[in-house]
Amino acid sequence: MPKAKILTLLEKAVAHDSSKQQFYINLPQSQDTCLLLYQRSDSLLDLWHTEVPADWRGQGLGGDLARAAMDWVKENKCKAKVSCTFLKKFYRENPNPGWE
């Protein structure tokens, strides 16, 4: 059970900052942020780290970041290399033919 406030769908909105090479969720009434970090080389994104602060875990926020990143990769006709162990497990357990 998460220790922090349960977020609404609107509060779970994932943003993308290409200059910082990250997808993120700003957590309300908190200094914390959920992050998915990547390194881009041409059309390849190496998705190398995902972080959800401990108090906010259990709400599917890591999965929200994972879906947003892969949807962006597909929409922008890029390819993804998944280096993050959380993301490897997430994509294995949540297959989506559109992401391949």
PDB file of N, CA and C in Angstrom:
ATOM      1  N   MET A   1       0.844  -1.189   0.000  1.00  0.00           N
ATOM      2  CA  MET A   1       0.000   0.000   0.000  1.00  0.00           C
ATOM      3  C   MET A   1       0.886   1.247   0.000  1.00  0.00           C
ATOM      4  N   PRO A   2       0.638   2.181  -0.926  1.00  0.00           N
ATOM      5  CA  PRO A   2       1.456   3.389  -0.950  1.00  0.00           C
ATOM      6  C   PRO A   2       1.278   4.200   0.333  1.00  0.00           C
ATOM      7  N   LYS A   3       2.348   4.852   0.747  1.00  0.00           N
ATOM      8  CA  LYS A   3       2.312   5.686   1.947  1.00  0.00           C
ATOM      9  C   LYS A   3       1.845   7.090   1.615  1.00  0.00           C
ATOM     10  N   ALA A   4       2.040   7.514   0.371  1.00  0.00           N
ATOM     11  CA  ALA A   4       1.671   8.862  -0.051  1.00  0.00           C
ATOM     12  C   ALA A   4       0.244   8.859  -0.597  1.00  0.00           C
ATOM     13  N   LYS A   5      -0.250  10.030  -0.873  1.00  0.00           N
ATOM     14  CA  LYS A   5      -1.573  10.230  -1.452  1.00  0.00           C
ATOM     15  C   LYS A   5      -1.728   9.413  -2.738  1.00  0.00           C
ATOM     16  N   ILE A   6      -2.897   8.800  -2.916  1.00  0.00           N
ATOM     17  CA  ILE A   6      -3.196   8.104  -4.163  1.00  0.00           C
ATOM     18  C   ILE A   6      -3.471   9.168  -5.223  1.00  0.00           C
ATOM     19  N   LEU A   7      -2.791   9.054  -6.342  1.00  0.00           N
ATOM     20  CA  LEU A   7      -2.907  10.073  -7.388  1.00  0.00           C
ATOM     21  C   LEU A   7      -4.107   9.828  -8.296  1.00  0.00           C
ATOM     22  N   THR A   8      -4.684  10.915  -8.771  1.00  0.00           N
ATOM     23  CA  THR A   8      -5.736  10.838  -9.775  1.00  0.00           C
ATOM     24  C   THR A   8      -5.077  10.620 -11.138  1.00  0.00           C
ATOM     25  N   LEU A   9      -5.879  10.287 -12.128  1.00  0.00           N
ATOM     26  CA  LEU A   9      -5.359  10.093 -13.480  1.00  0.00           C
ATOM     27  C   LEU A   9      -4.665  11.356 -13.984  1.00  0.00           C
ATOM     28  N   LEU A  10      -5.234  12.510 -13.715  1.00  0.00           N
ATOM     29  CA  LEU A  10      -4.639  13.778 -14.145  1.00  0.00           C
ATOM     30  C   LEU A  10      -3.293  14.016 -13.462  1.00  0.00           C
ATOM     31  N   GLU A  11      -3.196  13.681 -12.187  1.00  0.00           N
ATOM     32  CA  GLU A  11      -1.946  13.870 -11.444  1.00  0.00           C
ATOM     33  C   GLU A  11      -0.857  12.901 -11.894  1.00  0.00           C
ATOM     34  N   LYS A  12      -1.259  11.791 -12.529  1.00  0.00           N
ATOM     35  CA  LYS A  12      -0.297  10.795 -13.000  1.00  0.00           C
ATOM     36  C   LYS A  12       0.239  11.116 -14.401  1.00  0.00           C
ATOM     37  N   ALA A  13      -0.106  12.263 -14.931  1.00  0.00           N
ATOM     38  CA  ALA A  13       0.290  12.621 -16.298  1.00  0.00           C
ATOM     39  C   ALA A  13       1.812  12.616 -16.439  1.00  0.00           C
ATOM     40  N   VAL A  14       2.276  11.941 -17.472  1.00  0.00           N
ATOM     41  CA  VAL A  14       3.717  11.845 -17.745  1.00  0.00           C
ATOM     42  C   VAL A  14       4.114  12.967 -18.697  1.00  0.00           C
ATOM     43  N   ALA A  15       5.179  13.664 -18.345  1.00  0.00           N
ATOM     44  CA  ALA A  15       5.733  14.714 -19.197  1.00  0.00           C
ATOM     45  C   ALA A  15       7.069  14.225 -19.759  1.00  0.00           C
ATOM     46  N   HIS A  16       7.509  14.859 -20.825  1.00  0.00           N
ATOM     47  CA  HIS A  16       8.773  14.481 -21.482  1.00  0.00           C
ATOM     48  C   HIS A  16       9.632  15.731 -21.637  1.00  0.00           C
ATOM     49  N   ASP A  17      10.871  15.632 -21.220  1.00  0.00           N
ATOM     50  CA  ASP A  17      11.842  16.714 -21.389  1.00  0.00           C
ATOM     51  C   ASP A  17      13.004  16.152 -22.192  1.00  0.00           C
ATOM     52  N   SER A  18      12.978  16.396 -23.495  1.00  0.00           N
ATOM     53  CA  SER A  18      14.020  15.822 -24.359  1.00  0.00           C
ATOM     54  C   SER A  18      15.387  16.430 -24.087  1.00  0.00           C
ATOM     55  N   SER A  19      15.443  17.684 -23.618  1.00  0.00           N
ATOM     56  CA  SER A  19      16.750  18.286 -23.333  1.00  0.00           C
ATOM     57  C   SER A  19      17.432  17.615 -22.139  1.00  0.00           C
ATOM     58  N   LYS A  20      16.636  17.122 -21.193  1.00  0.00           N
ATOM     59  CA  LYS A  20      17.189  16.391 -20.041  1.00  0.00           C
ATOM     60  C   LYS A  20      17.155  14.882 -20.258  1.00  0.00           C
ATOM     61  N   GLN A  21      16.604  14.457 -21.405  1.00  0.00           N
ATOM     62  CA  GLN A  21      16.484  13.044 -21.763  1.00  0.00           C
ATOM     63  C   GLN A  21      15.778  12.267 -20.646  1.00  0.00           C
ATOM     64  N   GLN A  22      14.560  12.713 -20.350  1.00  0.00           N
ATOM     65  CA  GLN A  22      13.792  12.050 -19.300  1.00  0.00           C
ATOM     66  C   GLN A  22      12.287  12.187 -19.514  1.00  0.00           C
ATOM     67  N   PHE A  23      11.569  11.178 -19.049  1.00  0.00           N
ATOM     68  CA  PHE A  23      10.128  11.227 -18.886  1.00  0.00           C
ATOM     69  C   PHE A  23       9.927  11.353 -17.379  1.00  0.00           C
ATOM     70  N   TYR A  24       8.915  12.104 -16.956  1.00  0.00           N
ATOM     71  CA  TYR A  24       8.769  12.316 -15.520  1.00  0.00           C
ATOM     72  C   TYR A  24       7.320  12.574 -15.135  1.00  0.00           C
ATOM     73  N   ILE A  25       7.050  12.360 -13.849  1.00  0.00           N
ATOM     74  CA  ILE A  25       5.771  12.695 -13.234  1.00  0.00           C
ATOM     75  C   ILE A  25       6.102  13.562 -12.026  1.00  0.00           C
ATOM     76  N   ASN A  26       5.615  14.794 -12.038  1.00  0.00           N
ATOM     77  CA  ASN A  26       5.772  15.668 -10.868  1.00  0.00           C
ATOM     78  C   ASN A  26       4.736  15.254  -9.837  1.00  0.00           C
ATOM     79  N   LEU A  27       5.179  14.972  -8.638  1.00  0.00           N
ATOM     80  CA  LEU A  27       4.283  14.505  -7.594  1.00  0.00           C
ATOM     81  C   LEU A  27       3.724  15.689  -6.815  1.00  0.00           C
ATOM     82  N   PRO A  28       2.394  15.748  -6.657  1.00  0.00           N
ATOM     83  CA  PRO A  28       1.771  16.900  -6.013  1.00  0.00           C
ATOM     84  C   PRO A  28       2.146  17.014  -4.540  1.00  0.00           C
ATOM     85  N   GLN A  29       2.274  18.253  -4.096  1.00  0.00           N
ATOM     86  CA  GLN A  29       2.581  18.548  -2.696  1.00  0.00           C
ATOM     87  C   GLN A  29       3.821  17.800  -2.217  1.00  0.00           C
ATOM     88  N   SER A  30       4.811  17.715  -3.110  1.00  0.00           N
ATOM     89  CA  SER A  30       6.028  16.966  -2.807  1.00  0.00           C
ATOM     90  C   SER A  30       7.181  17.532  -3.626  1.00  0.00           C
ATOM     91  N   GLN A  31       8.385  17.370  -3.116  1.00  0.00           N
ATOM     92  CA  GLN A  31       9.582  17.724  -3.880  1.00  0.00           C
ATOM     93  C   GLN A  31      10.011  16.560  -4.766  1.00  0.00           C
ATOM     94  N   ASP A  32       9.356  15.407  -4.601  1.00  0.00           N
ATOM     95  CA  ASP A  32       9.741  14.193  -5.320  1.00  0.00           C
ATOM     96  C   ASP A  32       9.233  14.191  -6.754  1.00  0.00           C
ATOM     97  N   THR A  33       9.946  13.457  -7.594  1.00  0.00           N
ATOM     98  CA  THR A  33       9.577  13.270  -8.987  1.00  0.00           C
ATOM     99  C   THR A  33       9.828  11.823  -9.355  1.00  0.00           C
ATOM    100  N   CYS A  34       8.950  11.245 -10.145  1.00  0.00           N
ATOM    101  CA  CYS A  34       9.180   9.919 -10.726  1.00  0.00           C
ATOM    102  C   CYS A  34       9.903  10.147 -12.051  1.00  0.00           C
ATOM    103  N   LEU A  35      10.922   9.345 -12.318  1.00  0.00           N
ATOM    104  CA  LEU A  35      11.753   9.559 -13.513  1.00  0.00           C
ATOM    105  C   LEU A  35      11.968   8.292 -14.309  1.00  0.00           C
ATOM    106  N   LEU A  36      12.035   8.439 -15.614  1.00  0.00           N
ATOM    107  CA  LEU A  36      12.567   7.422 -16.507  1.00  0.00           C
ATOM    108  C   LEU A  36      13.631   8.151 -17.325  1.00  0.00           C
ATOM    109  N   LEU A  37      14.870   7.743 -17.151  1.00  0.00           N
ATOM    110  CA  LEU A  37      15.993   8.402 -17.817  1.00  0.00           C
ATOM    111  C   LEU A  37      16.434   7.598 -19.028  1.00  0.00           C
ATOM    112  N   TYR A  38      16.846   8.290 -20.072  1.00  0.00           N
ATOM    113  CA  TYR A  38      17.332   7.633 -21.273  1.00  0.00           C
ATOM    114  C   TYR A  38      18.498   8.412 -21.848  1.00  0.00           C
ATOM    115  N   GLN A  39      19.217   7.735 -22.727  1.00  0.00           N
ATOM    116  CA  GLN A  39      20.271   8.391 -23.494  1.00  0.00           C
ATOM    117  C   GLN A  39      19.930   8.184 -24.957  1.00  0.00           C
ATOM    118  N   ARG A  40      19.902   9.282 -25.704  1.00  0.00           N
ATOM    119  CA  ARG A  40      19.535   9.195 -27.119  1.00  0.00           C
ATOM    120  C   ARG A  40      20.757   9.305 -28.004  1.00  0.00           C
ATOM    121  N   SER A  41      20.806   8.431 -28.985  1.00  0.00           N
ATOM    122  CA  SER A  41      21.828   8.473 -30.022  1.00  0.00           C
ATOM    123  C   SER A  41      21.101   8.293 -31.353  1.00  0.00           C
ATOM    124  N   ASP A  42      20.977   9.382 -32.108  1.00  0.00           N
ATOM    125  CA  ASP A  42      20.192   9.392 -33.340  1.00  0.00           C
ATOM    126  C   ASP A  42      18.769   8.928 -33.037  1.00  0.00           C
ATOM    127  N   SER A  43      18.345   7.808 -33.630  1.00  0.00           N
ATOM    128  CA  SER A  43      16.967   7.343 -33.415  1.00  0.00           C
ATOM    129  C   SER A  43      16.889   6.201 -32.399  1.00  0.00           C
ATOM    130  N   LEU A  44      17.950   5.984 -31.635  1.00  0.00           N
ATOM    131  CA  LEU A  44      17.964   4.936 -30.613  1.00  0.00           C
ATOM    132  C   LEU A  44      17.928   5.561 -29.223  1.00  0.00           C
ATOM    133  N   LEU A  45      16.968   5.127 -28.407  1.00  0.00           N
ATOM    134  CA  LEU A  45      16.896   5.565 -27.015  1.00  0.00           C
ATOM    135  C   LEU A  45      17.272   4.393 -26.128  1.00  0.00           C
ATOM    136  N   ASP A  46      18.293   4.580 -25.315  1.00  0.00           N
ATOM    137  CA  ASP A  46      18.675   3.592 -24.313  1.00  0.00           C
ATOM    138  C   ASP A  46      17.946   3.973 -23.022  1.00  0.00           C
ATOM    139  N   LEU A  47      16.906   3.211 -22.697  1.00  0.00           N
ATOM    140  CA  LEU A  47      16.119   3.444 -21.488  1.00  0.00           C
ATOM    141  C   LEU A  47      16.865   2.785 -20.335  1.00  0.00           C
ATOM    142  N   TRP A  48      17.612   3.583 -19.571  1.00  0.00           N
ATOM    143  CA  TRP A  48      18.582   2.995 -18.650  1.00  0.00           C
ATOM    144  C   TRP A  48      18.238   3.100 -17.165  1.00  0.00           C
ATOM    145  N   HIS A  49      17.248   3.913 -16.786  1.00  0.00           N
ATOM    146  CA  HIS A  49      16.959   4.021 -15.343  1.00  0.00           C
ATOM    147  C   HIS A  49      15.529   4.501 -15.111  1.00  0.00           C
ATOM    148  N   THR A  50      14.869   3.868 -14.153  1.00  0.00           N
ATOM    149  CA  THR A  50      13.533   4.281 -13.721  1.00  0.00           C
ATOM    150  C   THR A  50      13.557   4.428 -12.214  1.00  0.00           C
ATOM    151  N   GLU A  51      12.940   5.494 -11.724  1.00  0.00           N
ATOM    152  CA  GLU A  51      12.942   5.735 -10.280  1.00  0.00           C
ATOM    153  C   GLU A  51      11.591   6.277  -9.826  1.00  0.00           C
ATOM    154  N   VAL A  52      11.011   5.585  -8.835  1.00  0.00           N
ATOM    155  CA  VAL A  52       9.789   6.046  -8.176  1.00  0.00           C
ATOM    156  C   VAL A  52      10.121   6.117  -6.689  1.00  0.00           C
ATOM    157  N   PRO A  53       9.980   7.292  -6.070  1.00  0.00           N
ATOM    158  CA  PRO A  53      10.279   7.411  -4.646  1.00  0.00           C
ATOM    159  C   PRO A  53       9.490   6.371  -3.827  1.00  0.00           C
ATOM    160  N   ALA A  54      10.113   5.841  -2.794  1.00  0.00           N
ATOM    161  CA  ALA A  54       9.549   4.731  -2.018  1.00  0.00           C
ATOM    162  C   ALA A  54       8.123   4.988  -1.538  1.00  0.00           C
ATOM    163  N   ASP A  55       7.842   6.174  -1.054  1.00  0.00           N
ATOM    164  CA  ASP A  55       6.508   6.460  -0.525  1.00  0.00           C
ATOM    165  C   ASP A  55       5.421   6.469  -1.597  1.00  0.00           C
ATOM    166  N   TRP A  56       5.813   6.562  -2.850  1.00  0.00           N
ATOM    167  CA  TRP A  56       4.852   6.663  -3.953  1.00  0.00           C
ATOM    168  C   TRP A  56       4.701   5.353  -4.715  1.00  0.00           C
ATOM    169  N   ARG A  57       5.412   4.324  -4.316  1.00  0.00           N
ATOM    170  CA  ARG A  57       5.342   3.040  -5.023  1.00  0.00           C
ATOM    171  C   ARG A  57       4.005   2.359  -4.785  1.00  0.00           C
ATOM    172  N   GLY A  58       3.656   1.444  -5.678  1.00  0.00           N
ATOM    173  CA  GLY A  58       2.421   0.688  -5.541  1.00  0.00           C
ATOM    174  C   GLY A  58       1.233   1.307  -6.254  1.00  0.00           C
ATOM    175  N   GLN A  59       1.459   2.361  -7.029  1.00  0.00           N
ATOM    176  CA  GLN A  59       0.371   3.025  -7.763  1.00  0.00           C
ATOM    177  C   GLN A  59       0.511   2.855  -9.274  1.00  0.00           C
ATOM    178  N   GLY A  60       1.500   2.103  -9.700  1.00  0.00           N
ATOM    179  CA  GLY A  60       1.691   1.904 -11.132  1.00  0.00           C
ATOM    180  C   GLY A  60       2.407   3.046 -11.832  1.00  0.00           C
ATOM    181  N   LEU A  61       3.078   3.906 -11.066  1.00  0.00           N
ATOM    182  CA  LEU A  61       3.731   5.067 -11.678  1.00  0.00           C
ATOM    183  C   LEU A  61       4.899   4.660 -12.578  1.00  0.00           C
ATOM    184  N   GLY A  62       5.651   3.647 -12.191  1.00  0.00           N
ATOM    185  CA  GLY A  62       6.734   3.157 -13.049  1.00  0.00           C
ATOM    186  C   GLY A  62       6.187   2.638 -14.372  1.00  0.00           C
ATOM    187  N   GLY A  63       5.065   1.949 -14.311  1.00  0.00           N
ATOM    188  CA  GLY A  63       4.415   1.472 -15.528  1.00  0.00           C
ATOM    189  C   GLY A  63       3.910   2.604 -16.399  1.00  0.00           C
ATOM    190  N   ASP A  64       3.400   3.657 -15.764  1.00  0.00           N
ATOM    191  CA  ASP A  64       2.952   4.827 -16.534  1.00  0.00           C
ATOM    192  C   ASP A  64       4.125   5.444 -17.288  1.00  0.00           C
ATOM    193  N   LEU A  65       5.275   5.540 -16.631  1.00  0.00           N
ATOM    194  CA  LEU A  65       6.480   6.061 -17.291  1.00  0.00           C
ATOM    195  C   LEU A  65       6.900   5.146 -18.435  1.00  0.00           C
ATOM    196  N   ALA A  66       6.873   3.842 -18.189  1.00  0.00           N
ATOM    197  CA  ALA A  66       7.285   2.860 -19.201  1.00  0.00           C
ATOM    198  C   ALA A  66       6.400   2.944 -20.442  1.00  0.00           C
ATOM    199  N   ARG A  67       5.092   3.018 -20.237  1.00  0.00           N
ATOM    200  CA  ARG A  67       4.164   3.112 -21.374  1.00  0.00           C
ATOM    201  C   ARG A  67       4.390   4.410 -22.149  1.00  0.00           C
ATOM    202  N   ALA A  68       4.547   5.506 -21.441  1.00  0.00           N
ATOM    203  CA  ALA A  68       4.745   6.801 -22.110  1.00  0.00           C
ATOM    204  C   ALA A  68       6.027   6.794 -22.942  1.00  0.00           C
ATOM    205  N   ALA A  69       7.090   6.224 -22.398  1.00  0.00           N
ATOM    206  CA  ALA A  69       8.360   6.179 -23.128  1.00  0.00           C
ATOM    207  C   ALA A  69       8.225   5.342 -24.400  1.00  0.00           C
ATOM    208  N   MET A  70       7.638   4.153 -24.285  1.00  0.00           N
ATOM    209  CA  MET A  70       7.525   3.297 -25.467  1.00  0.00           C
ATOM    210  C   MET A  70       6.552   3.865 -26.489  1.00  0.00           C
ATOM    211  N   ASP A  71       5.488   4.504 -26.029  1.00  0.00           N
ATOM    212  CA  ASP A  71       4.569   5.151 -26.975  1.00  0.00           C
ATOM    213  C   ASP A  71       5.291   6.272 -27.726  1.00  0.00           C
ATOM    214  N   TRP A  72       6.129   7.037 -27.024  1.00  0.00           N
ATOM    215  CA  TRP A  72       6.886   8.112 -27.661  1.00  0.00           C
ATOM    216  C   TRP A  72       7.871   7.541 -28.683  1.00  0.00           C
ATOM    217  N   VAL A  73       8.549   6.469 -28.300  1.00  0.00           N
ATOM    218  CA  VAL A  73       9.493   5.809 -29.214  1.00  0.00           C
ATOM    219  C   VAL A  73       8.766   5.413 -30.502  1.00  0.00           C
ATOM    220  N   LYS A  74       7.614   4.785 -30.359  1.00  0.00           N
ATOM    221  CA  LYS A  74       6.858   4.339 -31.537  1.00  0.00           C
ATOM    222  C   LYS A  74       6.379   5.523 -32.373  1.00  0.00           C
ATOM    223  N   GLU A  75       5.777   6.519 -31.715  1.00  0.00           N
ATOM    224  CA  GLU A  75       5.237   7.674 -32.435  1.00  0.00           C
ATOM    225  C   GLU A  75       6.316   8.435 -33.198  1.00  0.00           C
ATOM    226  N   ASN A  76       7.545   8.414 -32.690  1.00  0.00           N
ATOM    227  CA  ASN A  76       8.645   9.141 -33.318  1.00  0.00           C
ATOM    228  C   ASN A  76       9.546   8.265 -34.165  1.00  0.00           C
ATOM    229  N   LYS A  77       9.065   7.050 -34.438  1.00  0.00           N
ATOM    230  CA  LYS A  77       9.769   6.096 -35.309  1.00  0.00           C
ATOM    231  C   LYS A  77      11.218   5.870 -34.879  1.00  0.00           C
ATOM    232  N   CYS A  78      11.387   5.765 -33.571  1.00  0.00           N
ATOM    233  CA  CYS A  78      12.701   5.472 -33.003  1.00  0.00           C
ATOM    234  C   CYS A  78      12.750   4.009 -32.590  1.00  0.00           C
ATOM    235  N   LYS A  79      13.874   3.607 -32.055  1.00  0.00           N
ATOM    236  CA  LYS A  79      14.037   2.262 -31.502  1.00  0.00           C
ATOM    237  C   LYS A  79      14.459   2.424 -30.047  1.00  0.00           C
ATOM    238  N   ALA A  80      14.138   1.406 -29.249  1.00  0.00           N
ATOM    239  CA  ALA A  80      14.487   1.445 -27.831  1.00  0.00           C
ATOM    240  C   ALA A  80      15.416   0.288 -27.492  1.00  0.00           C
ATOM    241  N   LYS A  81      16.404   0.603 -26.690  1.00  0.00           N
ATOM    242  CA  LYS A  81      17.250  -0.392 -26.046  1.00  0.00           C
ATOM    243  C   LYS A  81      16.887  -0.302 -24.563  1.00  0.00           C
ATOM    244  N   VAL A  82      16.502  -1.418 -23.976  1.00  0.00           N
ATOM    245  CA  VAL A  82      16.046  -1.407 -22.587  1.00  0.00           C
ATOM    246  C   VAL A  82      17.161  -1.946 -21.701  1.00  0.00           C
ATOM    247  N   SER A  83      17.812  -1.053 -20.969  1.00  0.00           N
ATOM    248  CA  SER A  83      18.905  -1.438 -20.067  1.00  0.00           C
ATOM    249  C   SER A  83      18.452  -1.536 -18.612  1.00  0.00           C
ATOM    250  N   CYS A  84      17.370  -0.872 -18.268  1.00  0.00           N
ATOM    251  CA  CYS A  84      16.865  -0.833 -16.893  1.00  0.00           C
ATOM    252  C   CYS A  84      16.183  -2.156 -16.539  1.00  0.00           C
ATOM    253  N   THR A  85      16.547  -2.742 -15.404  1.00  0.00           N
ATOM    254  CA  THR A  85      15.963  -4.034 -15.019  1.00  0.00           C
ATOM    255  C   THR A  85      14.457  -3.928 -14.749  1.00  0.00           C
ATOM    256  N   PHE A  86      14.001  -2.834 -14.147  1.00  0.00           N
ATOM    257  CA  PHE A  86      12.561  -2.665 -13.944  1.00  0.00           C
ATOM    258  C   PHE A  86      11.831  -2.668 -15.287  1.00  0.00           C
ATOM    259  N   LEU A  87      12.359  -1.917 -16.255  1.00  0.00           N
ATOM    260  CA  LEU A  87      11.702  -1.832 -17.561  1.00  0.00           C
ATOM    261  C   LEU A  87      11.717  -3.170 -18.285  1.00  0.00           C
ATOM    262  N   LYS A  88      12.822  -3.901 -18.198  1.00  0.00           N
ATOM    263  CA  LYS A  88      12.870  -5.232 -18.819  1.00  0.00           C
ATOM    264  C   LYS A  88      11.744  -6.105 -18.286  1.00  0.00           C
ATOM    265  N   LYS A  89      11.588  -6.118 -16.965  1.00  0.00           N
ATOM    266  CA  LYS A  89      10.538  -6.921 -16.324  1.00  0.00           C
ATOM    267  C   LYS A  89       9.157  -6.400 -16.725  1.00  0.00           C
ATOM    268  N   PHE A  90       8.959  -5.092 -16.730  1.00  0.00           N
ATOM    269  CA  PHE A  90       7.666  -4.511 -17.077  1.00  0.00           C
ATOM    270  C   PHE A  90       7.266  -4.892 -18.500  1.00  0.00           C
ATOM    271  N   TYR A  91       8.172  -4.739 -19.453  1.00  0.00           N
ATOM    272  CA  TYR A  91       7.834  -5.028 -20.854  1.00  0.00           C
ATOM    273  C   TYR A  91       7.616  -6.522 -21.076  1.00  0.00           C
ATOM    274  N   ARG A  92       8.333  -7.349 -20.329  1.00  0.00           N
ATOM    275  CA  ARG A  92       8.138  -8.803 -20.434  1.00  0.00           C
ATOM    276  C   ARG A  92       6.745  -9.180 -19.906  1.00  0.00           C
ATOM    277  N   GLU A  93       6.317  -8.557 -18.819  1.00  0.00           N
ATOM    278  CA  GLU A  93       5.044  -8.881 -18.194  1.00  0.00           C
ATOM    279  C   GLU A  93       3.850  -8.138 -18.811  1.00  0.00           C
ATOM    280  N   ASN A  94       4.122  -7.134 -19.625  1.00  0.00           N
ATOM    281  CA  ASN A  94       3.074  -6.329 -20.251  1.00  0.00           C
ATOM    282  C   ASN A  94       3.351  -6.173 -21.744  1.00  0.00           C
ATOM    283  N   PRO A  95       3.360  -7.278 -22.469  1.00  0.00           N
ATOM    284  CA  PRO A  95       3.716  -7.195 -23.895  1.00  0.00           C
ATOM    285  C   PRO A  95       2.702  -6.343 -24.678  1.00  0.00           C
ATOM    286  N   ASN A  96       3.232  -5.615 -25.632  1.00  0.00           N
ATOM    287  CA  ASN A  96       2.413  -4.797 -26.506  1.00  0.00           C
ATOM    288  C   ASN A  96       3.018  -4.876 -27.899  1.00  0.00           C
ATOM    289  N   PRO A  97       2.333  -5.512 -28.837  1.00  0.00           N
ATOM    290  CA  PRO A  97       2.900  -5.672 -30.191  1.00  0.00           C
ATOM    291  C   PRO A  97       3.287  -4.345 -30.839  1.00  0.00           C
ATOM    292  N   GLY A  98       2.622  -3.271 -30.480  1.00  0.00           N
ATOM    293  CA  GLY A  98       2.934  -1.959 -31.047  1.00  0.00           C
ATOM    294  C   GLY A  98       4.304  -1.436 -30.631  1.00  0.00           C
ATOM    295  N   TRP A  99       4.863  -1.993 -29.571  1.00  0.00           N
ATOM    296  CA  TRP A  99       6.160  -1.511 -29.085  1.00  0.00           C
ATOM    297  C   TRP A  99       7.330  -2.264 -29.712  1.00  0.00           C
ATOM    298  N   GLU A 100       7.051  -3.317 -30.436  1.00  0.00           N
ATOM    299  CA  GLU A 100       8.160  -4.128 -30.966  1.00  0.00           C
ATOM    300  C   GLU A 100       8.742  -3.545 -32.235  1.00  0.00           C
TER     301      GLU A 100
END
